[in-house]
């Protein structure tokens, strides 16, 4: 997707503070963090929303969750707790239309979220 911000970050054409990358996924610090630890985990392959996933995406979506858990452990948030959030479409709060997972920790999370 030529104009997708997260595709460009995954390709390395737009700089970001990367905290993880492998052949399928990239994780980077959120530019507007909502917690002391706040990263985005994205698949390298462009998928606009959760509604656009196919069975071919099952493995990489599972990997996103595993990367999220690994990063929370590395940041010391796993035991105390952290939040994993996926927004879908405009009313769901999605701003960048490339599937991405917010992983946040390092503070008490409130429910319901804002």
PDB file of N, CA and C in Angstrom:
ATOM      1  N   UNK A   1       0.854  -1.177   0.000  1.00  0.00           N
ATOM      2  CA  UNK A   1       0.000   0.000   0.000  1.00  0.00           C
ATOM      3  C   UNK A   1       0.896   1.235   0.000  1.00  0.00           C
ATOM      4  N   UNK A   2       0.964   1.970  -1.085  1.00  0.00           N
ATOM      5  CA  UNK A   2       1.965   3.027  -1.234  1.00  0.00           C
ATOM      6  C   UNK A   2       1.868   4.187  -0.242  1.00  0.00           C
ATOM      7  N   UNK A   3       0.686   4.533   0.219  1.00  0.00           N
ATOM      8  CA  UNK A   3       0.556   5.685   1.107  1.00  0.00           C
ATOM      9  C   UNK A   3       0.349   5.316   2.574  1.00  0.00           C
ATOM     10  N   UNK A   4       0.521   4.066   2.935  1.00  0.00           N
ATOM     11  CA  UNK A   4       0.271   3.625   4.302  1.00  0.00           C
ATOM     12  C   UNK A   4       1.468   3.938   5.203  1.00  0.00           C
ATOM     13  N   UNK A   5       1.226   4.703   6.241  1.00  0.00           N
ATOM     14  CA  UNK A   5       2.265   5.088   7.190  1.00  0.00           C
ATOM     15  C   UNK A   5       2.956   3.868   7.795  1.00  0.00           C
ATOM     16  N   UNK A   6       2.174   2.888   8.243  1.00  0.00           N
ATOM     17  CA  UNK A   6       2.773   1.731   8.911  1.00  0.00           C
ATOM     18  C   UNK A   6       3.520   0.830   7.928  1.00  0.00           C
ATOM     19  N   UNK A   7       3.080   0.763   6.679  1.00  0.00           N
ATOM     20  CA  UNK A   7       3.843   0.025   5.664  1.00  0.00           C
ATOM     21  C   UNK A   7       5.202   0.690   5.465  1.00  0.00           C
ATOM     22  N   UNK A   8       5.223   2.015   5.434  1.00  0.00           N
ATOM     23  CA  UNK A   8       6.476   2.742   5.243  1.00  0.00           C
ATOM     24  C   UNK A   8       7.413   2.557   6.436  1.00  0.00           C
ATOM     25  N   UNK A   9       6.856   2.509   7.646  1.00  0.00           N
ATOM     26  CA  UNK A   9       7.684   2.233   8.825  1.00  0.00           C
ATOM     27  C   UNK A   9       8.246   0.822   8.733  1.00  0.00           C
ATOM     28  N   UNK A  10       7.398  -0.141   8.359  1.00  0.00           N
ATOM     29  CA  UNK A  10       7.840  -1.534   8.244  1.00  0.00           C
ATOM     30  C   UNK A  10       8.924  -1.684   7.173  1.00  0.00           C
ATOM     31  N   UNK A  11       8.832  -0.899   6.110  1.00  0.00           N
ATOM     32  CA  UNK A  11       9.830  -0.931   5.029  1.00  0.00           C
ATOM     33  C   UNK A  11      11.115  -0.199   5.402  1.00  0.00           C
ATOM     34  N   UNK A  12      11.023   0.664   6.421  1.00  0.00           N
ATOM     35  CA  UNK A  12      12.189   1.453   6.811  1.00  0.00           C
ATOM     36  C   UNK A  12      12.314   2.764   6.076  1.00  0.00           C
ATOM     37  N   UNK A  13      11.287   3.158   5.305  1.00  0.00           N
ATOM     38  CA  UNK A  13      11.361   4.427   4.578  1.00  0.00           C
ATOM     39  C   UNK A  13      10.930   5.613   5.428  1.00  0.00           C
ATOM     40  N   UNK A  14      10.235   5.356   6.528  1.00  0.00           N
ATOM     41  CA  UNK A  14       9.914   6.388   7.515  1.00  0.00           C
ATOM     42  C   UNK A  14      10.521   5.920   8.837  1.00  0.00           C
ATOM     43  N   UNK A  15      11.296   6.783   9.503  1.00  0.00           N
ATOM     44  CA  UNK A  15      11.938   6.356  10.748  1.00  0.00           C
ATOM     45  C   UNK A  15      10.935   6.187  11.890  1.00  0.00           C
ATOM     46  N   UNK A  16      11.254   5.255  12.760  1.00  0.00           N
ATOM     47  CA  UNK A  16      10.484   5.024  13.974  1.00  0.00           C
ATOM     48  C   UNK A  16      11.425   4.399  14.988  1.00  0.00           C
ATOM     49  N   UNK A  17      11.045   4.460  16.245  1.00  0.00           N
ATOM     50  CA  UNK A  17      11.834   3.820  17.299  1.00  0.00           C
ATOM     51  C   UNK A  17      11.416   2.360  17.380  1.00  0.00           C
ATOM     52  N   UNK A  18      12.097   1.531  16.606  1.00  0.00           N
ATOM     53  CA  UNK A  18      11.773   0.109  16.550  1.00  0.00           C
ATOM     54  C   UNK A  18      12.212  -0.583  17.830  1.00  0.00           C
ATOM     55  N   UNK A  19      11.340  -1.469  18.332  1.00  0.00           N
ATOM     56  CA  UNK A  19      11.679  -2.269  19.507  1.00  0.00           C
ATOM     57  C   UNK A  19      11.703  -3.757  19.164  1.00  0.00           C
ATOM     58  N   UNK A  20      11.227  -4.093  17.966  1.00  0.00           N
ATOM     59  CA  UNK A  20      11.221  -5.486  17.515  1.00  0.00           C
ATOM     60  C   UNK A  20      10.992  -5.488  16.007  1.00  0.00           C
ATOM     61  N   UNK A  21      11.642  -6.448  15.345  1.00  0.00           N
ATOM     62  CA  UNK A  21      11.300  -6.709  13.951  1.00  0.00           C
ATOM     63  C   UNK A  21      11.735  -8.118  13.596  1.00  0.00           C
ATOM     64  N   UNK A  22      10.929  -8.750  12.773  1.00  0.00           N
ATOM     65  CA  UNK A  22      11.252 -10.056  12.216  1.00  0.00           C
ATOM     66  C   UNK A  22      10.647 -10.088  10.818  1.00  0.00           C
ATOM     67  N   UNK A  23      10.628 -11.245  10.187  1.00  0.00           N
ATOM     68  CA  UNK A  23      10.172 -11.294   8.795  1.00  0.00           C
ATOM     69  C   UNK A  23       8.674 -10.999   8.633  1.00  0.00           C
ATOM     70  N   UNK A  24       7.899 -11.166   9.696  1.00  0.00           N
ATOM     71  CA  UNK A  24       6.447 -10.989   9.619  1.00  0.00           C
ATOM     72  C   UNK A  24       5.916  -9.760  10.337  1.00  0.00           C
ATOM     73  N   UNK A  25       6.627  -9.280  11.352  1.00  0.00           N
ATOM     74  CA  UNK A  25       6.092  -8.235  12.228  1.00  0.00           C
ATOM     75  C   UNK A  25       7.121  -7.153  12.504  1.00  0.00           C
ATOM     76  N   UNK A  26       6.609  -5.997  12.908  1.00  0.00           N
ATOM     77  CA  UNK A  26       7.432  -4.870  13.352  1.00  0.00           C
ATOM     78  C   UNK A  26       6.725  -4.268  14.558  1.00  0.00           C
ATOM     79  N   UNK A  27       7.509  -3.857  15.550  1.00  0.00           N
ATOM     80  CA  UNK A  27       6.950  -3.158  16.710  1.00  0.00           C
ATOM     81  C   UNK A  27       7.763  -1.894  16.931  1.00  0.00           C
ATOM     82  N   UNK A  28       7.051  -0.816  17.278  1.00  0.00           N
ATOM     83  CA  UNK A  28       7.716   0.473  17.469  1.00  0.00           C
ATOM     84  C   UNK A  28       6.972   1.281  18.508  1.00  0.00           C
ATOM     85  N   UNK A  29       7.679   2.242  19.103  1.00  0.00           N
ATOM     86  CA  UNK A  29       7.087   3.093  20.129  1.00  0.00           C
ATOM     87  C   UNK A  29       6.011   3.987  19.523  1.00  0.00           C
ATOM     88  N   UNK A  30       4.911   4.144  20.247  1.00  0.00           N
ATOM     89  CA  UNK A  30       3.839   5.044  19.820  1.00  0.00           C
ATOM     90  C   UNK A  30       4.318   6.486  19.936  1.00  0.00           C
ATOM     91  N   UNK A  31       3.993   7.321  18.957  1.00  0.00           N
ATOM     92  CA  UNK A  31       4.447   8.721  18.999  1.00  0.00           C
ATOM     93  C   UNK A  31       3.627   9.563  19.980  1.00  0.00           C
ATOM     94  N   UNK A  32       2.487   9.039  20.432  1.00  0.00           N
ATOM     95  CA  UNK A  32       1.648   9.728  21.412  1.00  0.00           C
ATOM     96  C   UNK A  32       1.308   8.729  22.520  1.00  0.00           C
ATOM     97  N   UNK A  33       2.293   8.350  23.335  1.00  0.00           N
ATOM     98  CA  UNK A  33       2.069   7.277  24.306  1.00  0.00           C
ATOM     99  C   UNK A  33       1.001   7.610  25.342  1.00  0.00           C
ATOM    100  N   UNK A  34       0.180   6.611  25.639  1.00  0.00           N
ATOM    101  CA  UNK A  34      -0.890   6.750  26.617  1.00  0.00           C
ATOM    102  C   UNK A  34      -0.546   6.043  27.931  1.00  0.00           C
ATOM    103  N   UNK A  35       0.664   5.507  28.011  1.00  0.00           N
ATOM    104  CA  UNK A  35       1.156   4.821  29.205  1.00  0.00           C
ATOM    105  C   UNK A  35       2.684   4.878  29.148  1.00  0.00           C
ATOM    106  N   UNK A  36       3.353   4.635  30.279  1.00  0.00           N
ATOM    107  CA  UNK A  36       4.821   4.639  30.253  1.00  0.00           C
ATOM    108  C   UNK A  36       5.410   3.674  29.219  1.00  0.00           C
ATOM    109  N   UNK A  37       4.760   2.548  29.029  1.00  0.00           N
ATOM    110  CA  UNK A  37       5.142   1.599  27.984  1.00  0.00           C
ATOM    111  C   UNK A  37       3.992   1.554  26.989  1.00  0.00           C
ATOM    112  N   UNK A  38       4.246   1.974  25.746  1.00  0.00           N
ATOM    113  CA  UNK A  38       3.191   1.977  24.720  1.00  0.00           C
ATOM    114  C   UNK A  38       3.858   1.759  23.372  1.00  0.00           C
ATOM    115  N   UNK A  39       3.672   0.566  22.835  1.00  0.00           N
ATOM    116  CA  UNK A  39       4.207   0.243  21.521  1.00  0.00           C
ATOM    117  C   UNK A  39       3.087  -0.225  20.607  1.00  0.00           C
ATOM    118  N   UNK A  40       3.334  -0.149  19.319  1.00  0.00           N
ATOM    119  CA  UNK A  40       2.428  -0.676  18.313  1.00  0.00           C
ATOM    120  C   UNK A  40       3.098  -1.886  17.682  1.00  0.00           C
ATOM    121  N   UNK A  41       2.341  -2.956  17.521  1.00  0.00           N
ATOM    122  CA  UNK A  41       2.829  -4.157  16.866  1.00  0.00           C
ATOM    123  C   UNK A  41       1.999  -4.331  15.597  1.00  0.00           C
ATOM    124  N   UNK A  42       2.673  -4.436  14.463  1.00  0.00           N
ATOM    125  CA  UNK A  42       1.982  -4.482  13.172  1.00  0.00           C
ATOM    126  C   UNK A  42       2.512  -5.632  12.323  1.00  0.00           C
ATOM    127  N   UNK A  43       1.642  -6.182  11.470  1.00  0.00           N
ATOM    128  CA  UNK A  43       2.154  -7.132  10.479  1.00  0.00           C
ATOM    129  C   UNK A  43       2.851  -6.349   9.372  1.00  0.00           C
ATOM    130  N   UNK A  44       3.873  -6.928   8.787  1.00  0.00           N
ATOM    131  CA  UNK A  44       4.535  -6.255   7.661  1.00  0.00           C
ATOM    132  C   UNK A  44       3.596  -6.169   6.457  1.00  0.00           C
ATOM    133  N   UNK A  45       2.806  -7.217   6.249  1.00  0.00           N
ATOM    134  CA  UNK A  45       1.866  -7.228   5.131  1.00  0.00           C
ATOM    135  C   UNK A  45       0.701  -6.294   5.444  1.00  0.00           C
ATOM    136  N   UNK A  46       0.318  -5.499   4.490  1.00  0.00           N
ATOM    137  CA  UNK A  46      -0.774  -4.552   4.698  1.00  0.00           C
ATOM    138  C   UNK A  46      -2.116  -5.275   4.750  1.00  0.00           C
ATOM    139  N   UNK A  47      -2.817  -5.065   5.854  1.00  0.00           N
ATOM    140  CA  UNK A  47      -4.215  -5.464   6.021  1.00  0.00           C
ATOM    141  C   UNK A  47      -4.866  -4.252   6.663  1.00  0.00           C
ATOM    142  N   UNK A  48      -5.878  -3.695   6.035  1.00  0.00           N
ATOM    143  CA  UNK A  48      -6.441  -2.420   6.497  1.00  0.00           C
ATOM    144  C   UNK A  48      -7.110  -2.514   7.867  1.00  0.00           C
ATOM    145  N   UNK A  49      -7.990  -3.487   8.060  1.00  0.00           N
ATOM    146  CA  UNK A  49      -8.731  -3.607   9.322  1.00  0.00           C
ATOM    147  C   UNK A  49      -8.876  -5.077   9.692  1.00  0.00           C
ATOM    148  N   UNK A  50      -9.339  -5.318  10.902  1.00  0.00           N
ATOM    149  CA  UNK A  50      -9.627  -6.702  11.306  1.00  0.00           C
ATOM    150  C   UNK A  50     -10.651  -7.335  10.381  1.00  0.00           C
ATOM    151  N   UNK A  51     -11.546  -6.542   9.846  1.00  0.00           N
ATOM    152  CA  UNK A  51     -12.579  -7.058   8.939  1.00  0.00           C
ATOM    153  C   UNK A  51     -12.000  -7.599   7.638  1.00  0.00           C
ATOM    154  N   UNK A  52     -10.774  -7.215   7.314  1.00  0.00           N
ATOM    155  CA  UNK A  52     -10.144  -7.625   6.062  1.00  0.00           C
ATOM    156  C   UNK A  52      -9.248  -8.859   6.205  1.00  0.00           C
ATOM    157  N   UNK A  53      -9.148  -9.390   7.415  1.00  0.00           N
ATOM    158  CA  UNK A  53      -8.309 -10.573   7.626  1.00  0.00           C
ATOM    159  C   UNK A  53      -8.896 -11.788   6.918  1.00  0.00           C
ATOM    160  N   UNK A  54      -8.004 -12.668   6.470  1.00  0.00           N
ATOM    161  CA  UNK A  54      -8.414 -13.939   5.886  1.00  0.00           C
ATOM    162  C   UNK A  54      -7.728 -15.059   6.663  1.00  0.00           C
ATOM    163  N   UNK A  55      -8.053 -16.276   6.321  1.00  0.00           N
ATOM    164  CA  UNK A  55      -7.406 -17.419   6.980  1.00  0.00           C
ATOM    165  C   UNK A  55      -5.902 -17.386   6.786  1.00  0.00           C
ATOM    166  N   UNK A  56      -5.454 -16.798   5.705  1.00  0.00           N
ATOM    167  CA  UNK A  56      -4.017 -16.688   5.453  1.00  0.00           C
ATOM    168  C   UNK A  56      -3.314 -15.821   6.499  1.00  0.00           C
ATOM    169  N   UNK A  57      -4.075 -15.003   7.231  1.00  0.00           N
ATOM    170  CA  UNK A  57      -3.505 -14.109   8.239  1.00  0.00           C
ATOM    171  C   UNK A  57      -3.495 -14.715   9.639  1.00  0.00           C
ATOM    172  N   UNK A  58      -4.058 -15.901   9.804  1.00  0.00           N
ATOM    173  CA  UNK A  58      -4.174 -16.495  11.139  1.00  0.00           C
ATOM    174  C   UNK A  58      -2.826 -16.612  11.844  1.00  0.00           C
ATOM    175  N   UNK A  59      -1.822 -17.093  11.157  1.00  0.00           N
ATOM    176  CA  UNK A  59      -0.523 -17.299  11.790  1.00  0.00           C
ATOM    177  C   UNK A  59       0.115 -15.983  12.208  1.00  0.00           C
ATOM    178  N   UNK A  60       0.095 -14.992  11.333  1.00  0.00           N
ATOM    179  CA  UNK A  60       0.739 -13.721  11.679  1.00  0.00           C
ATOM    180  C   UNK A  60      -0.026 -13.003  12.792  1.00  0.00           C
ATOM    181  N   UNK A  61      -1.347 -13.131  12.835  1.00  0.00           N
ATOM    182  CA  UNK A  61      -2.097 -12.493  13.918  1.00  0.00           C
ATOM    183  C   UNK A  61      -1.757 -13.141  15.258  1.00  0.00           C
ATOM    184  N   UNK A  62      -1.596 -14.449  15.275  1.00  0.00           N
ATOM    185  CA  UNK A  62      -1.146 -15.110  16.494  1.00  0.00           C
ATOM    186  C   UNK A  62       0.234 -14.628  16.900  1.00  0.00           C
ATOM    187  N   UNK A  63       1.081 -14.423  15.929  1.00  0.00           N
ATOM    188  CA  UNK A  63       2.437 -13.946  16.196  1.00  0.00           C
ATOM    189  C   UNK A  63       2.417 -12.544  16.800  1.00  0.00           C
ATOM    190  N   UNK A  64       1.485 -11.695  16.358  1.00  0.00           N
ATOM    191  CA  UNK A  64       1.381 -10.353  16.936  1.00  0.00           C
ATOM    192  C   UNK A  64       1.155 -10.432  18.444  1.00  0.00           C
ATOM    193  N   UNK A  65       0.290 -11.343  18.869  1.00  0.00           N
ATOM    194  CA  UNK A  65       0.018 -11.492  20.304  1.00  0.00           C
ATOM    195  C   UNK A  65       1.251 -12.006  21.048  1.00  0.00           C
ATOM    196  N   UNK A  66       1.981 -12.922  20.443  1.00  0.00           N
ATOM    197  CA  UNK A  66       3.188 -13.450  21.071  1.00  0.00           C
ATOM    198  C   UNK A  66       4.249 -12.361  21.191  1.00  0.00           C
ATOM    199  N   UNK A  67       4.397 -11.535  20.162  1.00  0.00           N
ATOM    200  CA  UNK A  67       5.341 -10.411  20.216  1.00  0.00           C
ATOM    201  C   UNK A  67       4.920  -9.442  21.319  1.00  0.00           C
ATOM    202  N   UNK A  68       3.628  -9.157  21.424  1.00  0.00           N
ATOM    203  CA  UNK A  68       3.129  -8.255  22.465  1.00  0.00           C
ATOM    204  C   UNK A  68       3.505  -8.773  23.853  1.00  0.00           C
ATOM    205  N   UNK A  69       3.297 -10.044  24.097  1.00  0.00           N
ATOM    206  CA  UNK A  69       3.618 -10.629  25.401  1.00  0.00           C
ATOM    207  C   UNK A  69       5.119 -10.587  25.680  1.00  0.00           C
ATOM    208  N   UNK A  70       5.920 -10.862  24.675  1.00  0.00           N
ATOM    209  CA  UNK A  70       7.375 -10.825  24.832  1.00  0.00           C
ATOM    210  C   UNK A  70       7.848  -9.422  25.179  1.00  0.00           C
ATOM    211  N   UNK A  71       7.317  -8.423  24.481  1.00  0.00           N
ATOM    212  CA  UNK A  71       7.723  -7.044  24.746  1.00  0.00           C
ATOM    213  C   UNK A  71       7.286  -6.596  26.139  1.00  0.00           C
ATOM    214  N   UNK A  72       6.091  -6.993  26.573  1.00  0.00           N
ATOM    215  CA  UNK A  72       5.627  -6.656  27.926  1.00  0.00           C
ATOM    216  C   UNK A  72       6.546  -7.285  28.974  1.00  0.00           C
ATOM    217  N   UNK A  73       6.975  -8.511  28.747  1.00  0.00           N
ATOM    218  CA  UNK A  73       7.917  -9.148  29.673  1.00  0.00           C
ATOM    219  C   UNK A  73       9.235  -8.391  29.701  1.00  0.00           C
ATOM    220  N   UNK A  74       9.742  -8.036  28.523  1.00  0.00           N
ATOM    221  CA  UNK A  74      11.016  -7.313  28.450  1.00  0.00           C
ATOM    222  C   UNK A  74      10.950  -5.967  29.164  1.00  0.00           C
ATOM    223  N   UNK A  75       9.800  -5.313  29.137  1.00  0.00           N
ATOM    224  CA  UNK A  75       9.631  -4.009  29.780  1.00  0.00           C
ATOM    225  C   UNK A  75       9.227  -4.119  31.244  1.00  0.00           C
ATOM    226  N   UNK A  76       9.058  -5.342  31.747  1.00  0.00           N
ATOM    227  CA  UNK A  76       8.720  -5.542  33.151  1.00  0.00           C
ATOM    228  C   UNK A  76       7.259  -5.322  33.482  1.00  0.00           C
ATOM    229  N   UNK A  77       6.385  -5.364  32.483  1.00  0.00           N
ATOM    230  CA  UNK A  77       4.955  -5.136  32.698  1.00  0.00           C
ATOM    231  C   UNK A  77       4.137  -6.424  32.783  1.00  0.00           C
ATOM    232  N   UNK A  78       4.715  -7.544  32.420  1.00  0.00           N
ATOM    233  CA  UNK A  78       3.933  -8.772  32.280  1.00  0.00           C
ATOM    234  C   UNK A  78       3.288  -9.203  33.594  1.00  0.00           C
ATOM    235  N   UNK A  79       4.015  -9.162  34.672  1.00  0.00           N
ATOM    236  CA  UNK A  79       3.486  -9.641  35.954  1.00  0.00           C
ATOM    237  C   UNK A  79       2.456  -8.687  36.554  1.00  0.00           C
ATOM    238  N   UNK A  80       2.714  -7.387  36.474  1.00  0.00           N
ATOM    239  CA  UNK A  80       1.776  -6.422  37.052  1.00  0.00           C
ATOM    240  C   UNK A  80       0.554  -6.218  36.170  1.00  0.00           C
ATOM    241  N   UNK A  81       0.726  -6.387  34.866  1.00  0.00           N
ATOM    242  CA  UNK A  81      -0.397  -6.282  33.940  1.00  0.00           C
ATOM    243  C   UNK A  81      -0.162  -5.254  32.851  1.00  0.00           C
ATOM    244  N   UNK A  82      -0.799  -5.512  31.726  1.00  0.00           N
ATOM    245  CA  UNK A  82      -0.707  -4.619  30.578  1.00  0.00           C
ATOM    246  C   UNK A  82      -1.972  -4.790  29.739  1.00  0.00           C
ATOM    247  N   UNK A  83      -2.172  -3.877  28.829  1.00  0.00           N
ATOM    248  CA  UNK A  83      -3.351  -3.906  27.965  1.00  0.00           C
ATOM    249  C   UNK A  83      -2.933  -4.085  26.526  1.00  0.00           C
ATOM    250  N   UNK A  84      -3.700  -4.910  25.804  1.00  0.00           N
ATOM    251  CA  UNK A  84      -3.531  -5.096  24.368  1.00  0.00           C
ATOM    252  C   UNK A  84      -4.830  -4.643  23.728  1.00  0.00           C
ATOM    253  N   UNK A  85      -4.743  -3.739  22.764  1.00  0.00           N
ATOM    254  CA  UNK A  85      -5.932  -3.114  22.194  1.00  0.00           C
ATOM    255  C   UNK A  85      -5.815  -3.054  20.681  1.00  0.00           C
ATOM    256  N   UNK A  86      -6.892  -3.428  20.004  1.00  0.00           N
ATOM    257  CA  UNK A  86      -6.987  -3.286  18.545  1.00  0.00           C
ATOM    258  C   UNK A  86      -8.242  -2.481  18.249  1.00  0.00           C
ATOM    259  N   UNK A  87      -8.094  -1.387  17.531  1.00  0.00           N
ATOM    260  CA  UNK A  87      -9.235  -0.574  17.123  1.00  0.00           C
ATOM    261  C   UNK A  87      -9.600  -0.932  15.684  1.00  0.00           C
ATOM    262  N   UNK A  88     -10.899  -0.942  15.397  1.00  0.00           N
ATOM    263  CA  UNK A  88     -11.343  -1.281  14.045  1.00  0.00           C
ATOM    264  C   UNK A  88     -12.306  -0.230  13.525  1.00  0.00           C
ATOM    265  N   UNK A  89     -11.935   0.374  12.423  1.00  0.00           N
ATOM    266  CA  UNK A  89     -12.705   1.402  11.715  1.00  0.00           C
ATOM    267  C   UNK A  89     -12.872   2.668  12.558  1.00  0.00           C
ATOM    268  N   UNK A  90     -13.418   3.689  11.954  1.00  0.00           N
ATOM    269  CA  UNK A  90     -13.436   5.029  12.543  1.00  0.00           C
ATOM    270  C   UNK A  90     -14.143   5.081  13.893  1.00  0.00           C
ATOM    271  N   UNK A  91     -15.334   4.512  13.997  1.00  0.00           N
ATOM    272  CA  UNK A  91     -16.051   4.572  15.275  1.00  0.00           C
ATOM    273  C   UNK A  91     -15.388   3.726  16.351  1.00  0.00           C
ATOM    274  N   UNK A  92     -14.578   2.782  15.952  1.00  0.00           N
ATOM    275  CA  UNK A  92     -13.810   1.983  16.901  1.00  0.00           C
ATOM    276  C   UNK A  92     -12.512   2.652  17.313  1.00  0.00           C
ATOM    277  N   UNK A  93     -12.206   3.808  16.726  1.00  0.00           N
ATOM    278  CA  UNK A  93     -11.016   4.564  17.092  1.00  0.00           C
ATOM    279  C   UNK A  93      -9.812   4.328  16.201  1.00  0.00           C
ATOM    280  N   UNK A  94      -9.976   3.584  15.099  1.00  0.00           N
ATOM    281  CA  UNK A  94      -8.836   3.339  14.216  1.00  0.00           C
ATOM    282  C   UNK A  94      -8.532   4.601  13.426  1.00  0.00           C
ATOM    283  N   UNK A  95      -7.268   5.031  13.466  1.00  0.00           N
ATOM    284  CA  UNK A  95      -6.830   6.230  12.759  1.00  0.00           C
ATOM    285  C   UNK A  95      -5.967   5.854  11.565  1.00  0.00           C
ATOM    286  N   UNK A  96      -5.056   4.915  11.747  1.00  0.00           N
ATOM    287  CA  UNK A  96      -4.216   4.419  10.655  1.00  0.00           C
ATOM    288  C   UNK A  96      -4.812   3.090  10.197  1.00  0.00           C
ATOM    289  N   UNK A  97      -5.162   3.007   8.931  1.00  0.00           N
ATOM    290  CA  UNK A  97      -5.845   1.819   8.423  1.00  0.00           C
ATOM    291  C   UNK A  97      -4.842   0.774   7.933  1.00  0.00           C
ATOM    292  N   UNK A  98      -4.159   0.223   8.919  1.00  0.00           N
ATOM    293  CA  UNK A  98      -3.254  -0.923   8.802  1.00  0.00           C
ATOM    294  C   UNK A  98      -3.409  -1.602  10.153  1.00  0.00           C
ATOM    295  N   UNK A  99      -3.835  -2.853  10.167  1.00  0.00           N
ATOM    296  CA  UNK A  99      -4.055  -3.552  11.432  1.00  0.00           C
ATOM    297  C   UNK A  99      -2.864  -3.314  12.351  1.00  0.00           C
ATOM    298  N   UNK A 100      -3.150  -2.917  13.581  1.00  0.00           N
ATOM    299  CA  UNK A 100      -2.084  -2.718  14.562  1.00  0.00           C
ATOM    300  C   UNK A 100      -2.609  -2.931  15.962  1.00  0.00           C
ATOM    301  N   UNK A 101      -1.720  -3.389  16.789  1.00  0.00           N
ATOM    302  CA  UNK A 101      -2.035  -3.716  18.172  1.00  0.00           C
ATOM    303  C   UNK A 101      -1.305  -2.726  19.074  1.00  0.00           C
ATOM    304  N   UNK A 102      -2.049  -2.065  19.952  1.00  0.00           N
ATOM    305  CA  UNK A 102      -1.446  -1.216  20.971  1.00  0.00           C
ATOM    306  C   UNK A 102      -1.124  -2.107  22.168  1.00  0.00           C
ATOM    307  N   UNK A 103       0.082  -2.002  22.677  1.00  0.00           N
ATOM    308  CA  UNK A 103       0.475  -2.731  23.882  1.00  0.00           C
ATOM    309  C   UNK A 103       0.913  -1.675  24.885  1.00  0.00           C
ATOM    310  N   UNK A 104       0.179  -1.587  26.009  1.00  0.00           N
ATOM    311  CA  UNK A 104       0.410  -0.524  26.974  1.00  0.00           C
ATOM    312  C   UNK A 104       0.553  -1.085  28.374  1.00  0.00           C
ATOM    313  N   UNK A 105       1.453  -0.514  29.147  1.00  0.00           N
ATOM    314  CA  UNK A 105       1.641  -0.938  30.528  1.00  0.00           C
ATOM    315  C   UNK A 105       2.436   0.095  31.304  1.00  0.00           C
ATOM    316  N   UNK A 106       2.720  -0.254  32.543  1.00  0.00           N
ATOM    317  CA  UNK A 106       3.490   0.636  33.397  1.00  0.00           C
ATOM    318  C   UNK A 106       2.640   1.573  34.234  1.00  0.00           C
ATOM    319  N   UNK A 107       1.328   1.398  34.189  1.00  0.00           N
ATOM    320  CA  UNK A 107       0.406   2.174  35.034  1.00  0.00           C
ATOM    321  C   UNK A 107      -0.885   1.372  35.165  1.00  0.00           C
ATOM    322  N   UNK A 108      -1.722   1.773  36.127  1.00  0.00           N
ATOM    323  CA  UNK A 108      -3.025   1.140  36.301  1.00  0.00           C
ATOM    324  C   UNK A 108      -3.923   1.531  35.128  1.00  0.00           C
ATOM    325  N   UNK A 109      -4.513   0.555  34.479  1.00  0.00           N
ATOM    326  CA  UNK A 109      -5.436   0.815  33.369  1.00  0.00           C
ATOM    327  C   UNK A 109      -6.857   0.907  33.930  1.00  0.00           C
ATOM    328  N   UNK A 110      -7.619   1.824  33.390  1.00  0.00           N
ATOM    329  CA  UNK A 110      -9.005   2.020  33.828  1.00  0.00           C
ATOM    330  C   UNK A 110      -9.948   1.283  32.904  1.00  0.00           C
ATOM    331  N   UNK A 111     -11.132   0.969  33.421  1.00  0.00           N
ATOM    332  CA  UNK A 111     -12.181   0.366  32.599  1.00  0.00           C
ATOM    333  C   UNK A 111     -13.471   1.083  32.896  1.00  0.00           C
ATOM    334  N   UNK A 112     -14.254   1.459  31.948  1.00  0.00           N
ATOM    335  CA  UNK A 112     -13.974   1.276  30.522  1.00  0.00           C
ATOM    336  C   UNK A 112     -12.945   2.293  30.036  1.00  0.00           C
ATOM    337  N   UNK A 113     -12.244   1.941  28.931  1.00  0.00           N
ATOM    338  CA  UNK A 113     -11.306   2.909  28.374  1.00  0.00           C
ATOM    339  C   UNK A 113     -12.059   4.101  27.796  1.00  0.00           C
ATOM    340  N   UNK A 114     -11.373   5.215  27.632  1.00  0.00           N
ATOM    341  CA  UNK A 114     -11.949   6.463  27.156  1.00  0.00           C
ATOM    342  C   UNK A 114     -12.671   6.386  25.928  1.00  0.00           C
TER     343      UNK A 114
END
